[in-house]
């Protein structure tokens, strides 16, 4: 199976997260938030699968990366503070 990146998706396009979901962090007694729905290019995407979540420290800043899917596409989202960007979008 070959996965190719859509040509019209540029790296670091700004997006809006319109809903989040929470789940228990494995091994911890606390909840973590995950994006549930986003708006990009005038279209709304609802995520049905959540993959890896990465936490990266860049100097004093913390950057969160999320791998999610709407069942048809896979996305990597980046959150820095309250600013969200679409890093990649691939056909599932």
N, C-alpha and C. Protein backbone atom coordinates (compact mmCIF):
# COMPACT_ATOMS: atom_id res chain seq x y z
N UNK A 1 0.83 -1.17 0.00
CA UNK A 1 0.00 0.00 0.00
C UNK A 1 0.88 1.24 0.00
N UNK A 2 0.60 2.17 -0.88
CA UNK A 2 1.37 3.41 -0.99
C UNK A 2 0.53 4.55 -0.44
N UNK A 3 1.14 5.34 0.41
CA UNK A 3 0.47 6.51 0.97
C UNK A 3 1.19 7.74 0.42
N UNK A 4 0.43 8.62 -0.17
CA UNK A 4 1.04 9.84 -0.71
C UNK A 4 0.40 11.06 -0.06
N UNK A 5 1.19 12.08 0.13
CA UNK A 5 0.72 13.33 0.71
C UNK A 5 -0.03 14.12 -0.34
N UNK A 6 -1.14 14.73 0.04
CA UNK A 6 -1.88 15.57 -0.89
C UNK A 6 -1.02 16.76 -1.28
N UNK A 7 -0.97 17.06 -2.57
CA UNK A 7 -0.12 18.14 -3.06
C UNK A 7 -0.58 19.52 -2.59
N UNK A 8 -1.90 19.69 -2.37
CA UNK A 8 -2.40 21.02 -2.03
C UNK A 8 -2.28 21.33 -0.54
N UNK A 9 -1.83 20.38 0.27
CA UNK A 9 -1.66 20.63 1.69
C UNK A 9 -0.23 21.09 1.95
N UNK A 10 -0.10 22.30 2.45
CA UNK A 10 1.21 22.83 2.78
C UNK A 10 1.49 22.56 4.24
N UNK A 11 2.75 22.40 4.57
CA UNK A 11 3.12 22.19 5.95
C UNK A 11 2.82 23.44 6.77
N UNK A 12 2.38 23.22 7.99
CA UNK A 12 2.13 24.29 8.95
C UNK A 12 0.99 25.22 8.55
N UNK A 13 -0.07 24.68 7.93
CA UNK A 13 -1.27 25.47 7.67
C UNK A 13 -2.05 25.61 8.97
N UNK A 14 -2.52 26.82 9.25
CA UNK A 14 -3.28 27.06 10.48
C UNK A 14 -4.64 26.38 10.40
N UNK A 15 -5.07 25.80 11.52
CA UNK A 15 -6.37 25.14 11.61
C UNK A 15 -7.08 25.62 12.86
N UNK A 16 -8.37 25.28 12.94
CA UNK A 16 -9.16 25.55 14.14
C UNK A 16 -9.60 24.22 14.72
N UNK A 17 -9.36 24.01 15.99
CA UNK A 17 -9.87 22.84 16.70
C UNK A 17 -11.18 23.26 17.34
N UNK A 18 -12.28 22.59 16.96
CA UNK A 18 -13.60 22.99 17.41
C UNK A 18 -14.17 22.07 18.49
N UNK A 19 -13.50 20.94 18.75
CA UNK A 19 -13.94 20.03 19.83
C UNK A 19 -12.75 19.20 20.27
N UNK A 20 -12.74 18.85 21.54
CA UNK A 20 -11.71 17.97 22.09
C UNK A 20 -12.40 16.84 22.85
N UNK A 21 -11.64 15.78 23.07
CA UNK A 21 -12.11 14.66 23.87
C UNK A 21 -11.05 14.38 24.93
N UNK A 22 -11.42 13.66 25.95
CA UNK A 22 -10.49 13.35 27.04
C UNK A 22 -10.42 11.86 27.24
N UNK A 23 -9.24 11.38 27.61
CA UNK A 23 -9.10 9.98 27.98
C UNK A 23 -8.04 9.87 29.06
N UNK A 24 -8.12 8.78 29.80
CA UNK A 24 -7.18 8.58 30.91
C UNK A 24 -5.80 8.27 30.36
N UNK A 25 -4.82 8.92 30.91
CA UNK A 25 -3.43 8.69 30.51
C UNK A 25 -3.00 7.33 31.05
N UNK A 26 -2.44 6.46 30.19
CA UNK A 26 -2.01 5.15 30.65
C UNK A 26 -0.99 5.26 31.79
N UNK A 27 -1.25 4.57 32.90
CA UNK A 27 -0.33 4.58 34.02
C UNK A 27 -0.45 5.79 34.93
N UNK A 28 -1.34 6.72 34.62
CA UNK A 28 -1.51 7.93 35.42
C UNK A 28 -2.97 8.06 35.82
N UNK A 29 -3.23 8.77 36.88
CA UNK A 29 -4.61 9.02 37.29
C UNK A 29 -5.00 10.45 36.92
N UNK A 30 -4.89 10.76 35.63
CA UNK A 30 -5.28 12.08 35.13
C UNK A 30 -5.77 11.92 33.71
N UNK A 31 -6.48 12.92 33.24
CA UNK A 31 -7.01 12.91 31.89
C UNK A 31 -6.12 13.71 30.96
N UNK A 32 -6.02 13.25 29.72
CA UNK A 32 -5.32 13.98 28.67
C UNK A 32 -6.34 14.38 27.61
N UNK A 33 -6.15 15.55 27.03
CA UNK A 33 -7.06 16.01 25.99
C UNK A 33 -6.50 15.69 24.61
N UNK A 34 -7.40 15.38 23.69
CA UNK A 34 -7.05 15.08 22.30
C UNK A 34 -8.01 15.84 21.39
N UNK A 35 -7.53 16.31 20.24
CA UNK A 35 -8.45 16.98 19.31
C UNK A 35 -9.49 15.99 18.79
N UNK A 36 -10.73 16.44 18.68
CA UNK A 36 -11.83 15.59 18.21
C UNK A 36 -12.36 16.06 16.86
N UNK A 37 -12.30 17.38 16.63
CA UNK A 37 -12.83 17.94 15.38
C UNK A 37 -12.03 19.17 15.01
N UNK A 38 -11.78 19.34 13.70
CA UNK A 38 -11.06 20.53 13.23
C UNK A 38 -11.74 21.09 11.99
N UNK A 39 -11.47 22.37 11.75
CA UNK A 39 -11.91 23.04 10.53
C UNK A 39 -10.65 23.44 9.78
N UNK A 40 -10.60 23.02 8.51
CA UNK A 40 -9.46 23.36 7.65
C UNK A 40 -9.98 23.58 6.24
N UNK A 41 -9.62 24.69 5.65
CA UNK A 41 -10.02 24.98 4.27
C UNK A 41 -11.52 25.02 4.08
N UNK A 42 -12.26 25.48 5.10
CA UNK A 42 -13.70 25.57 5.01
C UNK A 42 -14.43 24.25 5.20
N UNK A 43 -13.70 23.19 5.53
CA UNK A 43 -14.29 21.87 5.71
C UNK A 43 -14.06 21.40 7.14
N UNK A 44 -15.04 20.70 7.69
CA UNK A 44 -14.91 20.19 9.05
C UNK A 44 -14.57 18.70 9.01
N UNK A 45 -13.60 18.29 9.82
CA UNK A 45 -13.17 16.90 9.92
C UNK A 45 -13.40 16.42 11.35
N UNK A 46 -14.04 15.27 11.50
CA UNK A 46 -14.25 14.67 12.81
C UNK A 46 -13.35 13.45 12.92
N UNK A 47 -12.56 13.40 13.97
CA UNK A 47 -11.59 12.32 14.13
C UNK A 47 -12.23 11.13 14.82
N UNK A 48 -12.05 9.95 14.23
CA UNK A 48 -12.60 8.72 14.78
C UNK A 48 -11.52 7.84 15.39
N UNK A 49 -10.26 8.11 15.05
CA UNK A 49 -9.13 7.36 15.59
C UNK A 49 -8.06 8.32 16.07
N UNK A 50 -7.49 7.99 17.24
CA UNK A 50 -6.38 8.77 17.75
C UNK A 50 -5.18 7.86 17.88
N UNK A 51 -4.08 8.29 17.30
CA UNK A 51 -2.86 7.51 17.35
C UNK A 51 -1.92 8.06 18.40
N UNK A 52 -0.69 8.21 18.02
CA UNK A 52 0.34 8.66 18.94
C UNK A 52 0.17 10.13 19.31
N UNK A 53 0.61 10.43 20.51
CA UNK A 53 0.67 11.81 20.98
C UNK A 53 2.10 12.04 21.45
N UNK A 54 2.73 13.07 20.93
CA UNK A 54 4.12 13.36 21.26
C UNK A 54 4.20 14.69 22.00
N UNK A 55 5.09 14.76 22.95
CA UNK A 55 5.35 16.01 23.67
C UNK A 55 6.82 16.33 23.48
N UNK A 56 7.08 17.49 22.87
CA UNK A 56 8.44 17.89 22.53
C UNK A 56 8.76 19.20 23.24
N UNK A 57 9.91 19.27 23.87
CA UNK A 57 10.33 20.51 24.51
C UNK A 57 11.32 21.22 23.60
N UNK A 58 11.01 22.48 23.29
CA UNK A 58 11.87 23.32 22.44
C UNK A 58 12.21 24.56 23.25
N UNK A 59 13.38 24.53 23.89
CA UNK A 59 13.72 25.60 24.81
C UNK A 59 12.77 25.57 25.99
N UNK A 60 12.09 26.66 26.25
CA UNK A 60 11.09 26.72 27.32
C UNK A 60 9.70 26.32 26.85
N UNK A 61 9.50 26.23 25.53
CA UNK A 61 8.18 25.93 24.98
C UNK A 61 7.94 24.42 24.89
N UNK A 62 6.68 24.03 25.12
CA UNK A 62 6.26 22.64 24.92
C UNK A 62 5.41 22.57 23.67
N UNK A 63 5.72 21.63 22.80
CA UNK A 63 4.99 21.44 21.56
C UNK A 63 4.35 20.06 21.62
N UNK A 64 3.04 20.00 21.33
CA UNK A 64 2.33 18.73 21.30
C UNK A 64 2.05 18.36 19.85
N UNK A 65 2.33 17.12 19.49
CA UNK A 65 2.02 16.60 18.17
C UNK A 65 1.01 15.46 18.33
N UNK A 66 0.00 15.45 17.49
CA UNK A 66 -1.06 14.44 17.55
C UNK A 66 -1.20 13.77 16.19
N UNK A 67 -1.27 12.45 16.18
CA UNK A 67 -1.61 11.70 14.97
C UNK A 67 -3.05 11.25 15.12
N UNK A 68 -3.92 11.69 14.20
CA UNK A 68 -5.34 11.38 14.26
C UNK A 68 -5.84 11.00 12.87
N UNK A 69 -7.04 10.40 12.81
CA UNK A 69 -7.62 10.01 11.53
C UNK A 69 -9.12 10.25 11.55
N UNK A 70 -9.67 10.61 10.38
CA UNK A 70 -11.12 10.73 10.23
C UNK A 70 -11.70 9.50 9.55
N UNK A 71 -10.89 8.46 9.38
CA UNK A 71 -11.32 7.23 8.71
C UNK A 71 -10.96 7.21 7.24
N UNK A 72 -10.74 8.37 6.65
CA UNK A 72 -10.35 8.47 5.24
C UNK A 72 -8.97 9.07 5.08
N UNK A 73 -8.58 9.91 6.00
CA UNK A 73 -7.29 10.60 5.95
C UNK A 73 -6.61 10.50 7.31
N UNK A 74 -5.28 10.58 7.28
CA UNK A 74 -4.51 10.66 8.50
C UNK A 74 -3.88 12.04 8.58
N UNK A 75 -3.87 12.59 9.78
CA UNK A 75 -3.38 13.94 9.99
C UNK A 75 -2.34 13.95 11.10
N UNK A 76 -1.39 14.84 10.98
CA UNK A 76 -0.50 15.15 12.12
C UNK A 76 -0.75 16.61 12.44
N UNK A 77 -1.15 16.86 13.68
CA UNK A 77 -1.48 18.20 14.15
C UNK A 77 -0.44 18.65 15.16
N UNK A 78 -0.19 19.93 15.18
CA UNK A 78 0.79 20.51 16.10
C UNK A 78 0.09 21.58 16.92
N UNK A 79 0.33 21.53 18.22
CA UNK A 79 -0.23 22.52 19.13
C UNK A 79 0.90 23.17 19.90
N UNK A 80 0.98 24.48 19.79
CA UNK A 80 1.97 25.26 20.52
C UNK A 80 1.22 26.36 21.25
N UNK A 81 1.05 26.18 22.56
CA UNK A 81 0.20 27.09 23.32
C UNK A 81 -1.24 26.87 22.92
N UNK A 82 -1.88 27.91 22.38
CA UNK A 82 -3.25 27.74 21.86
C UNK A 82 -3.29 27.88 20.33
N UNK A 83 -2.15 27.76 19.70
CA UNK A 83 -2.03 27.88 18.25
C UNK A 83 -1.90 26.48 17.63
N UNK A 84 -2.85 26.12 16.74
CA UNK A 84 -2.87 24.80 16.11
C UNK A 84 -2.48 24.91 14.63
N UNK A 85 -1.69 23.95 14.16
CA UNK A 85 -1.33 23.89 12.74
C UNK A 85 -1.45 22.45 12.25
N UNK A 86 -1.73 22.32 10.96
CA UNK A 86 -1.77 21.03 10.28
C UNK A 86 -0.38 20.80 9.69
N UNK A 87 0.27 19.74 10.13
CA UNK A 87 1.62 19.44 9.66
C UNK A 87 1.56 18.60 8.40
N UNK A 88 0.80 17.50 8.44
CA UNK A 88 0.62 16.65 7.25
C UNK A 88 -0.80 16.12 7.18
N UNK A 89 -1.18 15.75 5.95
CA UNK A 89 -2.45 15.10 5.69
C UNK A 89 -2.19 14.04 4.64
N UNK A 90 -2.54 12.78 4.95
CA UNK A 90 -2.26 11.68 4.04
C UNK A 90 -3.52 10.85 3.86
N UNK A 91 -3.69 10.27 2.68
CA UNK A 91 -4.78 9.34 2.44
C UNK A 91 -4.55 8.10 3.29
N UNK A 92 -5.61 7.62 3.91
CA UNK A 92 -5.48 6.43 4.79
C UNK A 92 -5.40 5.15 3.99
